[in-house]
Amino acid sequence: METELITSQLTAGYATAALIQWLKGKPWFPFCNDDTAALNRATSMVMSVVAAIGLHLTFDSTAGVLTVTGLTLTNMLHAAWASVQQYAITQAAYKGIIKS
């Protein structure tokens, strides 16, 4: 695995965990707090998918057409595996760096 990819994954994992931790302290975001562990994990999973997915979007404003490319079975399986990896990195960043 390339060094840049590892660095990107670790950075995204830490940033996701730090963002969730920051949201826990905000009164205007009551959905995420220290008492909502399942919701916190679900939020982390969604953010991991966003960080790992490899879709490309193109919007033609004149025609009003949104084109999504990269929706092959291979890419979707790869995105699923990358999401699992990113979630593991996010959890490790939270438990190893933020929580301790």
PDB file of N, CA and C in Angstrom:
ATOM      1  N   MET A   1       0.848  -1.175   0.000  1.00  0.00           N
ATOM      2  CA  MET A   1       0.000   0.000   0.000  1.00  0.00           C
ATOM      3  C   MET A   1       0.892   1.235   0.000  1.00  0.00           C
ATOM      4  N   GLU A   2       0.491   2.232  -0.763  1.00  0.00           N
ATOM      5  CA  GLU A   2       1.274   3.447  -0.878  1.00  0.00           C
ATOM      6  C   GLU A   2       1.203   4.287   0.391  1.00  0.00           C
ATOM      7  N   THR A   3       2.265   4.983   0.672  1.00  0.00           N
ATOM      8  CA  THR A   3       2.346   5.812   1.872  1.00  0.00           C
ATOM      9  C   THR A   3       1.281   6.906   1.870  1.00  0.00           C
ATOM     10  N   GLU A   4       1.025   7.523   0.710  1.00  0.00           N
ATOM     11  CA  GLU A   4       0.031   8.594   0.637  1.00  0.00           C
ATOM     12  C   GLU A   4      -1.364   8.068   0.968  1.00  0.00           C
ATOM     13  N   LEU A   5      -1.671   6.856   0.502  1.00  0.00           N
ATOM     14  CA  LEU A   5      -2.983   6.269   0.764  1.00  0.00           C
ATOM     15  C   LEU A   5      -3.153   5.971   2.257  1.00  0.00           C
ATOM     16  N   ILE A   6      -2.122   5.422   2.865  1.00  0.00           N
ATOM     17  CA  ILE A   6      -2.180   5.134   4.304  1.00  0.00           C
ATOM     18  C   ILE A   6      -2.350   6.433   5.095  1.00  0.00           C
ATOM     19  N   THR A   7      -1.591   7.451   4.717  1.00  0.00           N
ATOM     20  CA  THR A   7      -1.693   8.741   5.391  1.00  0.00           C
ATOM     21  C   THR A   7      -3.089   9.329   5.235  1.00  0.00           C
ATOM     22  N   SER A   8      -3.654   9.239   4.035  1.00  0.00           N
ATOM     23  CA  SER A   8      -5.004   9.756   3.795  1.00  0.00           C
ATOM     24  C   SER A   8      -6.038   9.019   4.628  1.00  0.00           C
ATOM     25  N   GLN A   9      -5.927   7.696   4.692  1.00  0.00           N
ATOM     26  CA  GLN A   9      -6.889   6.918   5.470  1.00  0.00           C
ATOM     27  C   GLN A   9      -6.783   7.222   6.957  1.00  0.00           C
ATOM     28  N   LEU A  10      -5.578   7.316   7.470  1.00  0.00           N
ATOM     29  CA  LEU A  10      -5.394   7.637   8.885  1.00  0.00           C
ATOM     30  C   LEU A  10      -5.904   9.041   9.205  1.00  0.00           C
ATOM     31  N   THR A  11      -5.631   9.979   8.313  1.00  0.00           N
ATOM     32  CA  THR A  11      -6.097  11.350   8.516  1.00  0.00           C
ATOM     33  C   THR A  11      -7.618  11.424   8.481  1.00  0.00           C
ATOM     34  N   ALA A  12      -8.232  10.768   7.502  1.00  0.00           N
ATOM     35  CA  ALA A  12      -9.699  10.761   7.407  1.00  0.00           C
ATOM     36  C   ALA A  12     -10.316  10.091   8.633  1.00  0.00           C
ATOM     37  N   GLY A  13      -9.715   9.017   9.113  1.00  0.00           N
ATOM     38  CA  GLY A  13     -10.208   8.337  10.308  1.00  0.00           C
ATOM     39  C   GLY A  13     -10.151   9.223  11.532  1.00  0.00           C
ATOM     40  N   TYR A  14      -9.024   9.907  11.713  1.00  0.00           N
ATOM     41  CA  TYR A  14      -8.904  10.807  12.858  1.00  0.00           C
ATOM     42  C   TYR A  14      -9.866  11.986  12.724  1.00  0.00           C
ATOM     43  N   ALA A  15      -9.956  12.562  11.524  1.00  0.00           N
ATOM     44  CA  ALA A  15     -10.840  13.713  11.308  1.00  0.00           C
ATOM     45  C   ALA A  15     -12.291  13.339  11.576  1.00  0.00           C
ATOM     46  N   THR A  16     -12.697  12.157  11.148  1.00  0.00           N
ATOM     47  CA  THR A  16     -14.070  11.698  11.383  1.00  0.00           C
ATOM     48  C   THR A  16     -14.331  11.533  12.874  1.00  0.00           C
ATOM     49  N   ALA A  17     -13.420  10.881  13.582  1.00  0.00           N
ATOM     50  CA  ALA A  17     -13.588  10.675  15.018  1.00  0.00           C
ATOM     51  C   ALA A  17     -13.591  12.007  15.760  1.00  0.00           C
ATOM     52  N   ALA A  18     -12.716  12.923  15.352  1.00  0.00           N
ATOM     53  CA  ALA A  18     -12.658  14.236  16.000  1.00  0.00           C
ATOM     54  C   ALA A  18     -13.931  15.035  15.725  1.00  0.00           C
ATOM     55  N   LEU A  19     -14.474  14.941  14.516  1.00  0.00           N
ATOM     56  CA  LEU A  19     -15.707  15.650  14.192  1.00  0.00           C
ATOM     57  C   LEU A  19     -16.875  15.133  15.025  1.00  0.00           C
ATOM     58  N   ILE A  20     -16.981  13.819  15.154  1.00  0.00           N
ATOM     59  CA  ILE A  20     -18.055  13.240  15.968  1.00  0.00           C
ATOM     60  C   ILE A  20     -17.902  13.663  17.423  1.00  0.00           C
ATOM     61  N   GLN A  21     -16.683  13.648  17.930  1.00  0.00           N
ATOM     62  CA  GLN A  21     -16.435  14.059  19.316  1.00  0.00           C
ATOM     63  C   GLN A  21     -16.808  15.531  19.496  1.00  0.00           C
ATOM     64  N   TRP A  22     -16.488  16.364  18.531  1.00  0.00           N
ATOM     65  CA  TRP A  22     -16.827  17.782  18.597  1.00  0.00           C
ATOM     66  C   TRP A  22     -18.343  17.981  18.585  1.00  0.00           C
ATOM     67  N   LEU A  23     -19.042  17.217  17.723  1.00  0.00           N
ATOM     68  CA  LEU A  23     -20.494  17.323  17.639  1.00  0.00           C
ATOM     69  C   LEU A  23     -21.183  16.914  18.944  1.00  0.00           C
ATOM     70  N   LYS A  24     -20.566  15.989  19.682  1.00  0.00           N
ATOM     71  CA  LYS A  24     -21.146  15.537  20.951  1.00  0.00           C
ATOM     72  C   LYS A  24     -21.311  16.677  21.945  1.00  0.00           C
ATOM     73  N   GLY A  25     -20.457  17.674  21.862  1.00  0.00           N
ATOM     74  CA  GLY A  25     -20.511  18.775  22.814  1.00  0.00           C
ATOM     75  C   GLY A  25     -21.375  19.947  22.381  1.00  0.00           C
ATOM     76  N   LYS A  26     -21.974  19.857  21.215  1.00  0.00           N
ATOM     77  CA  LYS A  26     -22.759  20.966  20.694  1.00  0.00           C
ATOM     78  C   LYS A  26     -24.237  20.797  21.032  1.00  0.00           C
ATOM     79  N   PRO A  27     -24.848  21.779  21.691  1.00  0.00           N
ATOM     80  CA  PRO A  27     -26.264  21.673  22.059  1.00  0.00           C
ATOM     81  C   PRO A  27     -27.191  21.686  20.849  1.00  0.00           C
ATOM     82  N   TRP A  28     -26.759  22.260  19.730  1.00  0.00           N
ATOM     83  CA  TRP A  28     -27.586  22.327  18.534  1.00  0.00           C
ATOM     84  C   TRP A  28     -27.545  21.028  17.730  1.00  0.00           C
ATOM     85  N   PHE A  29     -26.772  20.046  18.177  1.00  0.00           N
ATOM     86  CA  PHE A  29     -26.706  18.735  17.524  1.00  0.00           C
ATOM     87  C   PHE A  29     -26.993  17.659  18.572  1.00  0.00           C
ATOM     88  N   PRO A  30     -28.250  17.533  19.019  1.00  0.00           N
ATOM     89  CA  PRO A  30     -28.572  16.637  20.130  1.00  0.00           C
ATOM     90  C   PRO A  30     -28.562  15.154  19.749  1.00  0.00           C
ATOM     91  N   PHE A  31     -28.430  14.853  18.466  1.00  0.00           N
ATOM     92  CA  PHE A  31     -28.485  13.456  18.018  1.00  0.00           C
ATOM     93  C   PHE A  31     -27.230  12.688  18.375  1.00  0.00           C
ATOM     94  N   CYS A  32     -26.147  13.393  18.612  1.00  0.00           N
ATOM     95  CA  CYS A  32     -24.852  12.753  18.837  1.00  0.00           C
ATOM     96  C   CYS A  32     -24.319  13.226  20.185  1.00  0.00           C
ATOM     97  N   ASN A  33     -24.329  12.326  21.172  1.00  0.00           N
ATOM     98  CA  ASN A  33     -23.756  12.689  22.468  1.00  0.00           C
ATOM     99  C   ASN A  33     -23.160  11.440  23.098  1.00  0.00           C
ATOM    100  N   ASP A  34     -22.652  11.578  24.286  1.00  0.00           N
ATOM    101  CA  ASP A  34     -21.985  10.449  24.944  1.00  0.00           C
ATOM    102  C   ASP A  34     -22.936   9.306  25.268  1.00  0.00           C
ATOM    103  N   ASP A  35     -24.252   9.574  25.309  1.00  0.00           N
ATOM    104  CA  ASP A  35     -25.228   8.545  25.654  1.00  0.00           C
ATOM    105  C   ASP A  35     -25.817   7.829  24.441  1.00  0.00           C
ATOM    106  N   THR A  36     -25.424   8.196  23.246  1.00  0.00           N
ATOM    107  CA  THR A  36     -26.003   7.599  22.041  1.00  0.00           C
ATOM    108  C   THR A  36     -24.951   6.792  21.282  1.00  0.00           C
ATOM    109  N   ALA A  37     -24.452   5.749  21.899  1.00  0.00           N
ATOM    110  CA  ALA A  37     -23.355   4.967  21.309  1.00  0.00           C
ATOM    111  C   ALA A  37     -23.738   4.358  19.965  1.00  0.00           C
ATOM    112  N   ALA A  38     -24.942   3.811  19.847  1.00  0.00           N
ATOM    113  CA  ALA A  38     -25.349   3.187  18.583  1.00  0.00           C
ATOM    114  C   ALA A  38     -25.438   4.233  17.470  1.00  0.00           C
ATOM    115  N   LEU A  39     -25.990   5.383  17.778  1.00  0.00           N
ATOM    116  CA  LEU A  39     -26.096   6.443  16.781  1.00  0.00           C
ATOM    117  C   LEU A  39     -24.716   6.986  16.409  1.00  0.00           C
ATOM    118  N   ASN A  40     -23.843   7.078  17.393  1.00  0.00           N
ATOM    119  CA  ASN A  40     -22.476   7.523  17.133  1.00  0.00           C
ATOM    120  C   ASN A  40     -21.774   6.553  16.180  1.00  0.00           C
ATOM    121  N   ARG A  41     -21.964   5.245  16.397  1.00  0.00           N
ATOM    122  CA  ARG A  41     -21.366   4.255  15.507  1.00  0.00           C
ATOM    123  C   ARG A  41     -21.956   4.346  14.108  1.00  0.00           C
ATOM    124  N   ALA A  42     -23.272   4.538  14.023  1.00  0.00           N
ATOM    125  CA  ALA A  42     -23.922   4.666  12.714  1.00  0.00           C
ATOM    126  C   ALA A  42     -23.396   5.901  11.970  1.00  0.00           C
ATOM    127  N   THR A  43     -23.237   7.003  12.695  1.00  0.00           N
ATOM    128  CA  THR A  43     -22.683   8.214  12.091  1.00  0.00           C
ATOM    129  C   THR A  43     -21.268   7.964  11.608  1.00  0.00           C
ATOM    130  N   SER A  44     -20.494   7.261  12.402  1.00  0.00           N
ATOM    131  CA  SER A  44     -19.129   6.923  12.017  1.00  0.00           C
ATOM    132  C   SER A  44     -19.109   6.040  10.771  1.00  0.00           C
ATOM    133  N   MET A  45     -20.039   5.084  10.689  1.00  0.00           N
ATOM    134  CA  MET A  45     -20.112   4.215   9.506  1.00  0.00           C
ATOM    135  C   MET A  45     -20.456   5.009   8.254  1.00  0.00           C
ATOM    136  N   VAL A  46     -21.429   5.914   8.376  1.00  0.00           N
ATOM    137  CA  VAL A  46     -21.819   6.732   7.219  1.00  0.00           C
ATOM    138  C   VAL A  46     -20.644   7.598   6.773  1.00  0.00           C
ATOM    139  N   MET A  47     -19.956   8.204   7.726  1.00  0.00           N
ATOM    140  CA  MET A  47     -18.818   9.043   7.376  1.00  0.00           C
ATOM    141  C   MET A  47     -17.680   8.226   6.771  1.00  0.00           C
ATOM    142  N   SER A  48     -17.535   6.981   7.206  1.00  0.00           N
ATOM    143  CA  SER A  48     -16.520   6.102   6.634  1.00  0.00           C
ATOM    144  C   SER A  48     -16.846   5.766   5.188  1.00  0.00           C
ATOM    145  N   VAL A  49     -18.113   5.528   4.899  1.00  0.00           N
ATOM    146  CA  VAL A  49     -18.522   5.257   3.515  1.00  0.00           C
ATOM    147  C   VAL A  49     -18.231   6.483   2.646  1.00  0.00           C
ATOM    148  N   VAL A  50     -18.576   7.663   3.158  1.00  0.00           N
ATOM    149  CA  VAL A  50     -18.328   8.894   2.399  1.00  0.00           C
ATOM    150  C   VAL A  50     -16.830   9.057   2.137  1.00  0.00           C
ATOM    151  N   ALA A  51     -16.007   8.753   3.131  1.00  0.00           N
ATOM    152  CA  ALA A  51     -14.554   8.897   2.967  1.00  0.00           C
ATOM    153  C   ALA A  51     -13.972   7.867   2.017  1.00  0.00           C
ATOM    154  N   ALA A  52     -14.601   6.698   1.915  1.00  0.00           N
ATOM    155  CA  ALA A  52     -14.012   5.610   1.145  1.00  0.00           C
ATOM    156  C   ALA A  52     -14.592   5.422  -0.257  1.00  0.00           C
ATOM    157  N   ILE A  53     -15.759   5.966  -0.502  1.00  0.00           N
ATOM    158  CA  ILE A  53     -16.451   5.675  -1.762  1.00  0.00           C
ATOM    159  C   ILE A  53     -15.734   6.327  -2.948  1.00  0.00           C
ATOM    160  N   GLY A  54     -15.797   5.674  -4.070  1.00  0.00           N
ATOM    161  CA  GLY A  54     -15.085   6.154  -5.253  1.00  0.00           C
ATOM    162  C   GLY A  54     -15.997   6.554  -6.389  1.00  0.00           C
ATOM    163  N   LEU A  55     -17.113   7.182  -6.097  1.00  0.00           N
ATOM    164  CA  LEU A  55     -18.023   7.634  -7.152  1.00  0.00           C
ATOM    165  C   LEU A  55     -17.608   9.016  -7.640  1.00  0.00           C
ATOM    166  N   HIS A  56     -17.903   9.252  -8.890  1.00  0.00           N
ATOM    167  CA  HIS A  56     -17.618  10.553  -9.471  1.00  0.00           C
ATOM    168  C   HIS A  56     -18.921  11.137  -9.986  1.00  0.00           C
ATOM    169  N   LEU A  57     -19.189  12.381  -9.633  1.00  0.00           N
ATOM    170  CA  LEU A  57     -20.417  13.051 -10.033  1.00  0.00           C
ATOM    171  C   LEU A  57     -20.084  14.197 -10.975  1.00  0.00           C
ATOM    172  N   THR A  58     -20.897  14.322 -12.031  1.00  0.00           N
ATOM    173  CA  THR A  58     -20.777  15.437 -12.957  1.00  0.00           C
ATOM    174  C   THR A  58     -22.162  16.016 -13.157  1.00  0.00           C
ATOM    175  N   PHE A  59     -22.291  17.320 -13.034  1.00  0.00           N
ATOM    176  CA  PHE A  59     -23.595  17.955 -13.214  1.00  0.00           C
ATOM    177  C   PHE A  59     -23.529  18.943 -14.363  1.00  0.00           C
ATOM    178  N   ASP A  60     -24.410  18.767 -15.332  1.00  0.00           N
ATOM    179  CA  ASP A  60     -24.548  19.695 -16.454  1.00  0.00           C
ATOM    180  C   ASP A  60     -25.731  20.605 -16.130  1.00  0.00           C
ATOM    181  N   SER A  61     -25.423  21.835 -15.710  1.00  0.00           N
ATOM    182  CA  SER A  61     -26.490  22.736 -15.260  1.00  0.00           C
ATOM    183  C   SER A  61     -27.391  23.192 -16.401  1.00  0.00           C
ATOM    184  N   THR A  62     -26.880  23.230 -17.611  1.00  0.00           N
ATOM    185  CA  THR A  62     -27.730  23.644 -18.737  1.00  0.00           C
ATOM    186  C   THR A  62     -28.770  22.586 -19.053  1.00  0.00           C
ATOM    187  N   ALA A  63     -28.342  21.333 -19.066  1.00  0.00           N
ATOM    188  CA  ALA A  63     -29.270  20.243 -19.377  1.00  0.00           C
ATOM    189  C   ALA A  63     -29.986  19.741 -18.133  1.00  0.00           C
ATOM    190  N   GLY A  64     -29.461  20.082 -16.948  1.00  0.00           N
ATOM    191  CA  GLY A  64     -30.060  19.601 -15.705  1.00  0.00           C
ATOM    192  C   GLY A  64     -29.838  18.109 -15.497  1.00  0.00           C
ATOM    193  N   VAL A  65     -28.659  17.633 -15.904  1.00  0.00           N
ATOM    194  CA  VAL A  65     -28.367  16.200 -15.846  1.00  0.00           C
ATOM    195  C   VAL A  65     -27.221  15.952 -14.860  1.00  0.00           C
ATOM    196  N   LEU A  66     -27.457  15.036 -13.932  1.00  0.00           N
ATOM    197  CA  LEU A  66     -26.431  14.591 -12.994  1.00  0.00           C
ATOM    198  C   LEU A  66     -25.967  13.215 -13.448  1.00  0.00           C
ATOM    199  N   THR A  67     -24.677  13.083 -13.747  1.00  0.00           N
ATOM    200  CA  THR A  67     -24.126  11.815 -14.201  1.00  0.00           C
ATOM    201  C   THR A  67     -23.267  11.221 -13.098  1.00  0.00           C
ATOM    202  N   VAL A  68     -23.533   9.972 -12.761  1.00  0.00           N
ATOM    203  CA  VAL A  68     -22.761   9.259 -11.758  1.00  0.00           C
ATOM    204  C   VAL A  68     -21.984   8.161 -12.478  1.00  0.00           C
ATOM    205  N   THR A  69     -20.672   8.176 -12.317  1.00  0.00           N
ATOM    206  CA  THR A  69     -19.849   7.135 -12.926  1.00  0.00           C
ATOM    207  C   THR A  69     -19.162   6.325 -11.837  1.00  0.00           C
ATOM    208  N   GLY A  70     -18.761   5.138 -12.163  1.00  0.00           N
ATOM    209  CA  GLY A  70     -18.053   4.278 -11.221  1.00  0.00           C
ATOM    210  C   GLY A  70     -18.944   3.283 -10.514  1.00  0.00           C
ATOM    211  N   LEU A  71     -20.174   3.092 -10.984  1.00  0.00           N
ATOM    212  CA  LEU A  71     -21.108   2.173 -10.322  1.00  0.00           C
ATOM    213  C   LEU A  71     -21.021   0.761 -10.899  1.00  0.00           C
ATOM    214  N   THR A  72     -19.812   0.247 -11.001  1.00  0.00           N
ATOM    215  CA  THR A  72     -19.660  -1.140 -11.424  1.00  0.00           C
ATOM    216  C   THR A  72     -19.663  -2.029 -10.190  1.00  0.00           C
ATOM    217  N   LEU A  73     -19.939  -3.310 -10.379  1.00  0.00           N
ATOM    218  CA  LEU A  73     -19.949  -4.246  -9.251  1.00  0.00           C
ATOM    219  C   LEU A  73     -18.591  -4.272  -8.567  1.00  0.00           C
ATOM    220  N   THR A  74     -17.529  -4.276  -9.354  1.00  0.00           N
ATOM    221  CA  THR A  74     -16.182  -4.292  -8.784  1.00  0.00           C
ATOM    222  C   THR A  74     -15.937  -3.054  -7.925  1.00  0.00           C
ATOM    223  N   ASN A  75     -16.321  -1.893  -8.432  1.00  0.00           N
ATOM    224  CA  ASN A  75     -16.125  -0.661  -7.657  1.00  0.00           C
ATOM    225  C   ASN A  75     -16.975  -0.646  -6.394  1.00  0.00           C
ATOM    226  N   MET A  76     -18.192  -1.159  -6.476  1.00  0.00           N
ATOM    227  CA  MET A  76     -19.056  -1.179  -5.292  1.00  0.00           C
ATOM    228  C   MET A  76     -18.512  -2.137  -4.236  1.00  0.00           C
ATOM    229  N   LEU A  77     -17.991  -3.295  -4.645  1.00  0.00           N
ATOM    230  CA  LEU A  77     -17.386  -4.226  -3.681  1.00  0.00           C
ATOM    231  C   LEU A  77     -16.128  -3.624  -3.070  1.00  0.00           C
ATOM    232  N   HIS A  78     -15.340  -2.970  -3.905  1.00  0.00           N
ATOM    233  CA  HIS A  78     -14.133  -2.306  -3.399  1.00  0.00           C
ATOM    234  C   HIS A  78     -14.508  -1.205  -2.409  1.00  0.00           C
ATOM    235  N   ALA A  79     -15.546  -0.426  -2.734  1.00  0.00           N
ATOM    236  CA  ALA A  79     -15.991   0.644  -1.835  1.00  0.00           C
ATOM    237  C   ALA A  79     -16.495   0.080  -0.514  1.00  0.00           C
ATOM    238  N   ALA A  80     -17.177  -1.076  -0.577  1.00  0.00           N
ATOM    239  CA  ALA A  80     -17.658  -1.704   0.662  1.00  0.00           C
ATOM    240  C   ALA A  80     -16.477  -2.115   1.542  1.00  0.00           C
ATOM    241  N   TRP A  81     -15.474  -2.740   0.942  1.00  0.00           N
ATOM    242  CA  TRP A  81     -14.299  -3.162   1.700  1.00  0.00           C
ATOM    243  C   TRP A  81     -13.525  -1.946   2.237  1.00  0.00           C
ATOM    244  N   ALA A  82     -13.368  -0.916   1.406  1.00  0.00           N
ATOM    245  CA  ALA A  82     -12.677   0.289   1.852  1.00  0.00           C
ATOM    246  C   ALA A  82     -13.441   0.965   2.986  1.00  0.00           C
ATOM    247  N   SER A  83     -14.766   0.894   2.959  1.00  0.00           N
ATOM    248  CA  SER A  83     -15.577   1.475   4.033  1.00  0.00           C
ATOM    249  C   SER A  83     -15.365   0.744   5.347  1.00  0.00           C
ATOM    250  N   VAL A  84     -15.276  -0.585   5.280  1.00  0.00           N
ATOM    251  CA  VAL A  84     -15.005  -1.381   6.485  1.00  0.00           C
ATOM    252  C   VAL A  84     -13.633  -1.007   7.048  1.00  0.00           C
ATOM    253  N   GLN A  85     -12.660  -0.898   6.165  1.00  0.00           N
ATOM    254  CA  GLN A  85     -11.320  -0.510   6.609  1.00  0.00           C
ATOM    255  C   GLN A  85     -11.332   0.886   7.232  1.00  0.00           C
ATOM    256  N   GLN A  86     -12.016   1.824   6.582  1.00  0.00           N
ATOM    257  CA  GLN A  86     -12.060   3.197   7.090  1.00  0.00           C
ATOM    258  C   GLN A  86     -12.777   3.259   8.432  1.00  0.00           C
ATOM    259  N   TYR A  87     -13.829   2.462   8.594  1.00  0.00           N
ATOM    260  CA  TYR A  87     -14.538   2.420   9.879  1.00  0.00           C
ATOM    261  C   TYR A  87     -13.607   1.897  10.976  1.00  0.00           C
ATOM    262  N   ALA A  88     -12.844   0.867  10.658  1.00  0.00           N
ATOM    263  CA  ALA A  88     -11.896   0.320  11.643  1.00  0.00           C
ATOM    264  C   ALA A  88     -10.857   1.369  12.034  1.00  0.00           C
ATOM    265  N   ILE A  89     -10.370   2.120  11.067  1.00  0.00           N
ATOM    266  CA  ILE A  89      -9.390   3.166  11.350  1.00  0.00           C
ATOM    267  C   ILE A  89     -10.026   4.273  12.198  1.00  0.00           C
ATOM    268  N   THR A  90     -11.272   4.631  11.879  1.00  0.00           N
ATOM    269  CA  THR A  90     -11.974   5.659  12.644  1.00  0.00           C
ATOM    270  C   THR A  90     -12.163   5.225  14.092  1.00  0.00           C
ATOM    271  N   GLN A  91     -12.576   3.978  14.290  1.00  0.00           N
ATOM    272  CA  GLN A  91     -12.757   3.457  15.651  1.00  0.00           C
ATOM    273  C   GLN A  91     -11.433   3.409  16.408  1.00  0.00           C
ATOM    274  N   ALA A  92     -10.371   2.999  15.713  1.00  0.00           N
ATOM    275  CA  ALA A  92      -9.050   2.958  16.351  1.00  0.00           C
ATOM    276  C   ALA A  92      -8.588   4.366  16.731  1.00  0.00           C
ATOM    277  N   ALA A  93      -8.848   5.340  15.866  1.00  0.00           N
ATOM    278  CA  ALA A  93      -8.469   6.716  16.169  1.00  0.00           C
ATOM    279  C   ALA A  93      -9.256   7.224  17.374  1.00  0.00           C
ATOM    280  N   TYR A  94     -10.548   6.898  17.426  1.00  0.00           N
ATOM    281  CA  TYR A  94     -11.361   7.357  18.561  1.00  0.00           C
ATOM    282  C   TYR A  94     -10.912   6.713  19.863  1.00  0.00           C
ATOM    283  N   LYS A  95     -10.795   5.383  19.860  1.00  0.00           N
ATOM    284  CA  LYS A  95     -10.446   4.693  21.103  1.00  0.00           C
ATOM    285  C   LYS A  95      -8.976   4.900  21.502  1.00  0.00           C
ATOM    286  N   GLY A  96      -8.099   5.035  20.518  1.00  0.00           N
ATOM    287  CA  GLY A  96      -6.680   5.147  20.828  1.00  0.00           C
ATOM    288  C   GLY A  96      -6.172   6.556  21.063  1.00  0.00           C
ATOM    289  N   ILE A  97      -6.792   7.535  20.402  1.00  0.00           N
ATOM    290  CA  ILE A  97      -6.287   8.896  20.494  1.00  0.00           C
ATOM    291  C   ILE A  97      -7.257   9.814  21.248  1.00  0.00           C
ATOM    292  N   ILE A  98      -8.488   9.835  20.811  1.00  0.00           N
ATOM    293  CA  ILE A  98      -9.440  10.814  21.365  1.00  0.00           C
ATOM    294  C   ILE A  98      -9.955  10.418  22.728  1.00  0.00           C
ATOM    295  N   LYS A  99     -10.385   9.180  22.877  1.00  0.00           N
ATOM    296  CA  LYS A  99     -10.987   8.753  24.137  1.00  0.00           C
ATOM    297  C   LYS A  99      -9.967   8.624  25.267  1.00  0.00           C
ATOM    298  N   SER A 100      -8.757   8.227  24.938  1.00  0.00           N
ATOM    299  CA  SER A 100      -7.756   8.009  26.003  1.00  0.00           C
ATOM    300  C   SER A 100      -6.978   9.232  26.367  1.00  0.00           C
TER     301      SER A 100
END
